[in-house]
Amino acid sequence: MSLPFPDPSIPAPSRSAVLLGYLDYFRSRLASKLESLPAGELRASRVPSGWTPLELLRHVVQAELRWLEWRFEGREIADPWAEDRDGRWHVAPGETLGDLLAAMRAQAARTAAIAGAHDLADLGQPSDRWDGGGPATLERVLLHMIQEYARHLGQLDIVSELAGGEVGE
């Protein structure tokens, strides 16, 4: 079951809470759509680019780890691009929807802890991990993650409709 949309008219204790609320909402919608798919559709592609719903989930979880922990906090991550194999998203044969949803929830908790330990104006750790730019603020990183989840949720919505799963917001 997904969370209700974070209605702008409902007061929030902080800007961080607003941003994390949107991230939580989009994560919950992604989980709900994936859970509604027939099991055979999770590893099947319905799009010309070839990605599967499980690969999309692994990608957003890995992207969140990469942006918050590897770039912003400057942590060492063994393989920050672990979802990428030969220029395509990849999910190992043994990885299940349950495994990947648990990883998404664990990453969400780490993201919330990072947001709770920093001001939105704090800059990420300087490094070459920013693809040639300077470090971004936590606020920009969280906004980027909202965009990442929302964009991929829209893509999954089309795939879910084609596969007979849940559609709409």
C-alpha atoms as a PDB file:
ATOM      1  CA  MET A   1       0.000   0.000   0.000  1.00  0.00           C
ATOM      2  CA  SER A   2       1.367   3.382  -0.910  1.00  0.00           C
ATOM      3  CA  LEU A   3       1.496   6.530   1.146  1.00  0.00           C
ATOM      4  CA  PRO A   4      -0.913   9.396   0.464  1.00  0.00           C
ATOM      5  CA  PHE A   5       0.344  12.200  -1.745  1.00  0.00           C
ATOM      6  CA  PRO A   6       2.160  14.842   0.376  1.00  0.00           C
ATOM      7  CA  ASP A   7      -0.495  17.519  -0.084  1.00  0.00           C
ATOM      8  CA  PRO A   8       1.072  21.006  -0.067  1.00  0.00           C
ATOM      9  CA  SER A   9      -1.701  22.302   2.218  1.00  0.00           C
ATOM     10  CA  ILE A  10      -0.652  19.982   5.058  1.00  0.00           C
ATOM     11  CA  PRO A  11       1.894  21.694   7.319  1.00  0.00           C
ATOM     12  CA  ALA A  12       5.361  20.147   7.571  1.00  0.00           C
ATOM     13  CA  PRO A  13       7.892  20.727  10.346  1.00  0.00           C
ATOM     14  CA  SER A  14      10.735  21.612   7.952  1.00  0.00           C
ATOM     15  CA  ARG A  15      11.823  21.809   4.322  1.00  0.00           C
ATOM     16  CA  SER A  16      13.761  18.588   4.857  1.00  0.00           C
ATOM     17  CA  ALA A  17      10.559  16.883   5.980  1.00  0.00           C
ATOM     18  CA  VAL A  18       8.821  18.100   2.819  1.00  0.00           C
ATOM     19  CA  LEU A  19      11.560  16.735   0.557  1.00  0.00           C
ATOM     20  CA  LEU A  20      11.799  13.425   2.414  1.00  0.00           C
ATOM     21  CA  GLY A  21       7.996  13.165   2.330  1.00  0.00           C
ATOM     22  CA  TYR A  22       7.984  13.399  -1.450  1.00  0.00           C
ATOM     23  CA  LEU A  23      10.774  10.825  -1.689  1.00  0.00           C
ATOM     24  CA  ASP A  24       8.853   8.480   0.613  1.00  0.00           C
ATOM     25  CA  TYR A  25       5.712   8.951  -1.468  1.00  0.00           C
ATOM     26  CA  PHE A  26       7.423   8.162  -4.776  1.00  0.00           C
ATOM     27  CA  ARG A  27       9.194   5.157  -3.252  1.00  0.00           C
ATOM     28  CA  SER A  28       5.878   3.840  -1.934  1.00  0.00           C
ATOM     29  CA  ARG A  29       4.215   4.248  -5.340  1.00  0.00           C
ATOM     30  CA  LEU A  30       7.114   2.461  -7.023  1.00  0.00           C
ATOM     31  CA  ALA A  31       6.798  -0.429  -4.552  1.00  0.00           C
ATOM     32  CA  SER A  32       3.041  -0.600  -5.001  1.00  0.00           C
ATOM     33  CA  LYS A  33       3.282  -0.751  -8.792  1.00  0.00           C
ATOM     34  CA  LEU A  34       5.998  -3.393  -8.687  1.00  0.00           C
ATOM     35  CA  GLU A  35       4.045  -5.511  -6.208  1.00  0.00           C
ATOM     36  CA  SER A  36       0.993  -5.340  -8.493  1.00  0.00           C
ATOM     37  CA  LEU A  37       2.828  -6.821 -11.461  1.00  0.00           C
ATOM     38  CA  PRO A  38       2.457 -10.490 -12.333  1.00  0.00           C
ATOM     39  CA  ALA A  39       5.649 -12.286 -11.276  1.00  0.00           C
ATOM     40  CA  GLY A  40       6.643 -13.035 -14.865  1.00  0.00           C
ATOM     41  CA  GLU A  41       6.639  -9.335 -15.722  1.00  0.00           C
ATOM     42  CA  LEU A  42       9.307  -8.354 -13.163  1.00  0.00           C
ATOM     43  CA  ARG A  43      12.169  -9.676 -15.303  1.00  0.00           C
ATOM     44  CA  ALA A  44      10.529  -9.044 -18.685  1.00  0.00           C
ATOM     45  CA  SER A  45      10.962  -5.921 -20.764  1.00  0.00           C
ATOM     46  CA  ARG A  46       8.141  -4.179 -22.569  1.00  0.00           C
ATOM     47  CA  VAL A  47      10.228  -1.304 -23.933  1.00  0.00           C
ATOM     48  CA  PRO A  48      12.664  -1.049 -26.856  1.00  0.00           C
ATOM     49  CA  SER A  49      15.547  -0.045 -24.555  1.00  0.00           C
ATOM     50  CA  GLY A  50      15.197  -3.420 -22.829  1.00  0.00           C
ATOM     51  CA  TRP A  51      15.051  -2.525 -19.127  1.00  0.00           C
ATOM     52  CA  THR A  52      12.933  -4.626 -16.793  1.00  0.00           C
ATOM     53  CA  PRO A  53      10.940  -3.480 -13.738  1.00  0.00           C
ATOM     54  CA  LEU A  54      13.442  -5.123 -11.361  1.00  0.00           C
ATOM     55  CA  GLU A  55      16.330  -3.419 -13.158  1.00  0.00           C
ATOM     56  CA  LEU A  56      14.583  -0.066 -12.808  1.00  0.00           C
ATOM     57  CA  LEU A  57      14.145  -0.635  -9.073  1.00  0.00           C
ATOM     58  CA  ARG A  58      17.780  -1.619  -8.631  1.00  0.00           C
ATOM     59  CA  HIS A  59      18.825   1.471 -10.590  1.00  0.00           C
ATOM     60  CA  VAL A  60      16.939   3.960  -8.387  1.00  0.00           C
ATOM     61  CA  VAL A  61      18.202   2.321  -5.194  1.00  0.00           C
ATOM     62  CA  GLN A  62      21.769   2.422  -6.470  1.00  0.00           C
ATOM     63  CA  ALA A  63      21.360   6.015  -7.713  1.00  0.00           C
ATOM     64  CA  GLU A  64      20.179   7.077  -4.253  1.00  0.00           C
ATOM     65  CA  LEU A  65      23.176   5.388  -2.627  1.00  0.00           C
ATOM     66  CA  ARG A  66      25.476   7.004  -5.169  1.00  0.00           C
ATOM     67  CA  TRP A  67      24.100  10.538  -4.699  1.00  0.00           C
ATOM     68  CA  LEU A  68      23.670  10.568  -0.922  1.00  0.00           C
ATOM     69  CA  GLU A  69      26.405   8.343   0.420  1.00  0.00           C
ATOM     70  CA  TRP A  70      29.098   8.198  -2.259  1.00  0.00           C
ATOM     71  CA  ARG A  71      28.914  11.776  -3.556  1.00  0.00           C
ATOM     72  CA  PHE A  72      27.356  13.880  -0.789  1.00  0.00           C
ATOM     73  CA  GLU A  73      28.942  12.182   2.225  1.00  0.00           C
ATOM     74  CA  GLY A  74      32.075  11.048   0.378  1.00  0.00           C
ATOM     75  CA  ARG A  75      31.864   7.464   1.634  1.00  0.00           C
ATOM     76  CA  GLU A  76      33.794   4.699  -0.036  1.00  0.00           C
ATOM     77  CA  ILE A  77      31.424   2.414  -1.908  1.00  0.00           C
ATOM     78  CA  ALA A  78      32.881  -0.770  -3.391  1.00  0.00           C
ATOM     79  CA  ASP A  79      30.949  -0.428  -6.653  1.00  0.00           C
ATOM     80  CA  PRO A  80      28.910   2.792  -6.882  1.00  0.00           C
ATOM     81  CA  TRP A  81      27.694   1.790 -10.361  1.00  0.00           C
ATOM     82  CA  ALA A  82      26.769  -1.782  -9.372  1.00  0.00           C
ATOM     83  CA  GLU A  83      23.519  -1.739 -11.328  1.00  0.00           C
ATOM     84  CA  ASP A  84      25.333  -1.086 -14.612  1.00  0.00           C
ATOM     85  CA  ARG A  85      26.752  -3.938 -16.687  1.00  0.00           C
ATOM     86  CA  ASP A  86      27.997  -3.171 -20.183  1.00  0.00           C
ATOM     87  CA  GLY A  87      25.976   0.058 -20.383  1.00  0.00           C
ATOM     88  CA  ARG A  88      22.705  -1.577 -19.274  1.00  0.00           C
ATOM     89  CA  TRP A  89      20.943  -1.916 -15.958  1.00  0.00           C
ATOM     90  CA  HIS A  90      21.528  -5.299 -14.381  1.00  0.00           C
ATOM     91  CA  VAL A  91      19.890  -7.463 -11.722  1.00  0.00           C
ATOM     92  CA  ALA A  92      21.534 -10.696 -10.638  1.00  0.00           C
ATOM     93  CA  PRO A  93      19.488 -13.853 -11.234  1.00  0.00           C
ATOM     94  CA  GLY A  94      19.082 -14.472  -7.493  1.00  0.00           C
ATOM     95  CA  GLU A  95      17.866 -10.971  -6.613  1.00  0.00           C
ATOM     96  CA  THR A  96      14.142 -10.861  -5.876  1.00  0.00           C
ATOM     97  CA  LEU A  97      11.556  -8.120  -5.648  1.00  0.00           C
ATOM     98  CA  GLY A  98      11.574  -8.608  -1.874  1.00  0.00           C
ATOM     99  CA  ASP A  99      15.351  -8.214  -1.721  1.00  0.00           C
ATOM    100  CA  LEU A 100      15.295  -5.039  -3.797  1.00  0.00           C
ATOM    101  CA  LEU A 101      12.364  -3.508  -1.894  1.00  0.00           C
ATOM    102  CA  ALA A 102      14.223  -4.211   1.365  1.00  0.00           C
ATOM    103  CA  ALA A 103      17.300  -2.516  -0.119  1.00  0.00           C
ATOM    104  CA  MET A 104      15.165   0.487  -1.105  1.00  0.00           C
ATOM    105  CA  ARG A 105      13.743   0.753   2.420  1.00  0.00           C
ATOM    106  CA  ALA A 106      17.221   0.454   3.963  1.00  0.00           C
ATOM    107  CA  GLN A 107      18.534   3.143   1.613  1.00  0.00           C
ATOM    108  CA  ALA A 108      15.558   5.363   2.505  1.00  0.00           C
ATOM    109  CA  ALA A 109      16.486   5.051   6.186  1.00  0.00           C
ATOM    110  CA  ARG A 110      20.109   5.972   5.438  1.00  0.00           C
ATOM    111  CA  THR A 111      18.979   8.948   3.345  1.00  0.00           C
ATOM    112  CA  ALA A 112      16.707  10.134   6.176  1.00  0.00           C
ATOM    113  CA  ALA A 113      19.613   9.811   8.644  1.00  0.00           C
ATOM    114  CA  ILE A 114      21.872  11.832   6.343  1.00  0.00           C
ATOM    115  CA  ALA A 115      19.203  14.512   5.954  1.00  0.00           C
ATOM    116  CA  GLY A 116      18.713  14.582   9.724  1.00  0.00           C
ATOM    117  CA  ALA A 117      22.441  15.093  10.312  1.00  0.00           C
ATOM    118  CA  HIS A 118      22.822  18.013   7.873  1.00  0.00           C
ATOM    119  CA  ASP A 119      21.328  21.338   6.976  1.00  0.00           C
ATOM    120  CA  LEU A 120      19.844  21.532   3.473  1.00  0.00           C
ATOM    121  CA  ALA A 121      22.446  24.187   2.616  1.00  0.00           C
ATOM    122  CA  ASP A 122      25.371  21.896   3.506  1.00  0.00           C
ATOM    123  CA  LEU A 123      27.635  21.084   0.587  1.00  0.00           C
ATOM    124  CA  GLY A 124      28.651  17.565  -0.283  1.00  0.00           C
ATOM    125  CA  GLN A 125      32.234  16.415   0.109  1.00  0.00           C
ATOM    126  CA  PRO A 126      34.552  17.793  -2.587  1.00  0.00           C
ATOM    127  CA  SER A 127      35.804  15.098  -4.965  1.00  0.00           C
ATOM    128  CA  ASP A 128      35.925  14.086  -8.586  1.00  0.00           C
ATOM    129  CA  ARG A 129      32.699  12.122  -7.963  1.00  0.00           C
ATOM    130  CA  TRP A 130      30.625  15.177  -8.989  1.00  0.00           C
ATOM    131  CA  ASP A 131      31.323  14.645 -12.708  1.00  0.00           C
ATOM    132  CA  GLY A 132      33.362  17.807 -13.157  1.00  0.00           C
ATOM    133  CA  GLY A 133      31.135  20.132 -11.123  1.00  0.00           C
ATOM    134  CA  GLY A 134      31.504  21.281  -7.585  1.00  0.00           C
ATOM    135  CA  PRO A 135      29.703  19.553  -4.734  1.00  0.00           C
ATOM    136  CA  ALA A 136      25.952  20.126  -4.577  1.00  0.00           C
ATOM    137  CA  THR A 137      23.973  21.092  -1.512  1.00  0.00           C
ATOM    138  CA  LEU A 138      21.909  18.467   0.268  1.00  0.00           C
ATOM    139  CA  GLU A 139      18.779  20.270  -0.918  1.00  0.00           C
ATOM    140  CA  ARG A 140      19.810  19.931  -4.569  1.00  0.00           C
ATOM    141  CA  VAL A 141      20.706  16.270  -4.090  1.00  0.00           C
ATOM    142  CA  LEU A 142      17.318  15.524  -2.509  1.00  0.00           C
ATOM    143  CA  LEU A 143      15.516  17.411  -5.283  1.00  0.00           C
ATOM    144  CA  HIS A 144      17.490  15.419  -7.829  1.00  0.00           C
ATOM    145  CA  MET A 145      16.426  12.172  -6.139  1.00  0.00           C
ATOM    146  CA  ILE A 146      12.774  13.276  -6.170  1.00  0.00           C
ATOM    147  CA  GLN A 147      13.093  13.877  -9.907  1.00  0.00           C
ATOM    148  CA  GLU A 148      14.825  10.512 -10.373  1.00  0.00           C
ATOM    149  CA  TYR A 149      12.102   8.570  -8.581  1.00  0.00           C
ATOM    150  CA  ALA A 150       9.242  10.537 -10.189  1.00  0.00           C
ATOM    151  CA  ARG A 151      10.636  10.135 -13.708  1.00  0.00           C
ATOM    152  CA  HIS A 152      11.196   6.413 -13.345  1.00  0.00           C
ATOM    153  CA  LEU A 153       7.803   5.973 -11.663  1.00  0.00           C
ATOM    154  CA  GLY A 154       6.230   7.489 -14.782  1.00  0.00           C
ATOM    155  CA  GLN A 155       8.118   5.041 -16.967  1.00  0.00           C
ATOM    156  CA  LEU A 156       7.044   2.157 -14.752  1.00  0.00           C
ATOM    157  CA  ASP A 157       3.432   3.357 -14.914  1.00  0.00           C
ATOM    158  CA  ILE A 158       3.382   2.769 -18.674  1.00  0.00           C
ATOM    159  CA  VAL A 159       5.046  -0.633 -18.335  1.00  0.00           C
ATOM    160  CA  SER A 160       2.638  -1.563 -15.540  1.00  0.00           C
ATOM    161  CA  GLU A 161      -0.346  -0.622 -17.686  1.00  0.00           C
ATOM    162  CA  LEU A 162       0.939  -2.764 -20.555  1.00  0.00           C
ATOM    163  CA  ALA A 163       1.548  -5.670 -18.160  1.00  0.00           C
ATOM    164  CA  GLY A 164      -1.845  -5.506 -16.468  1.00  0.00           C
ATOM    165  CA  GLY A 165      -0.568  -4.056 -13.208  1.00  0.00           C
ATOM    166  CA  GLU A 166      -1.535  -0.992 -11.203  1.00  0.00           C
ATOM    167  CA  VAL A 167      -1.681   2.342 -13.025  1.00  0.00           C
ATOM    168  CA  GLY A 168      -2.040   5.985 -12.093  1.00  0.00           C
ATOM    169  CA  GLU A 169      -0.858   7.967  -9.165  1.00  0.00           C
END
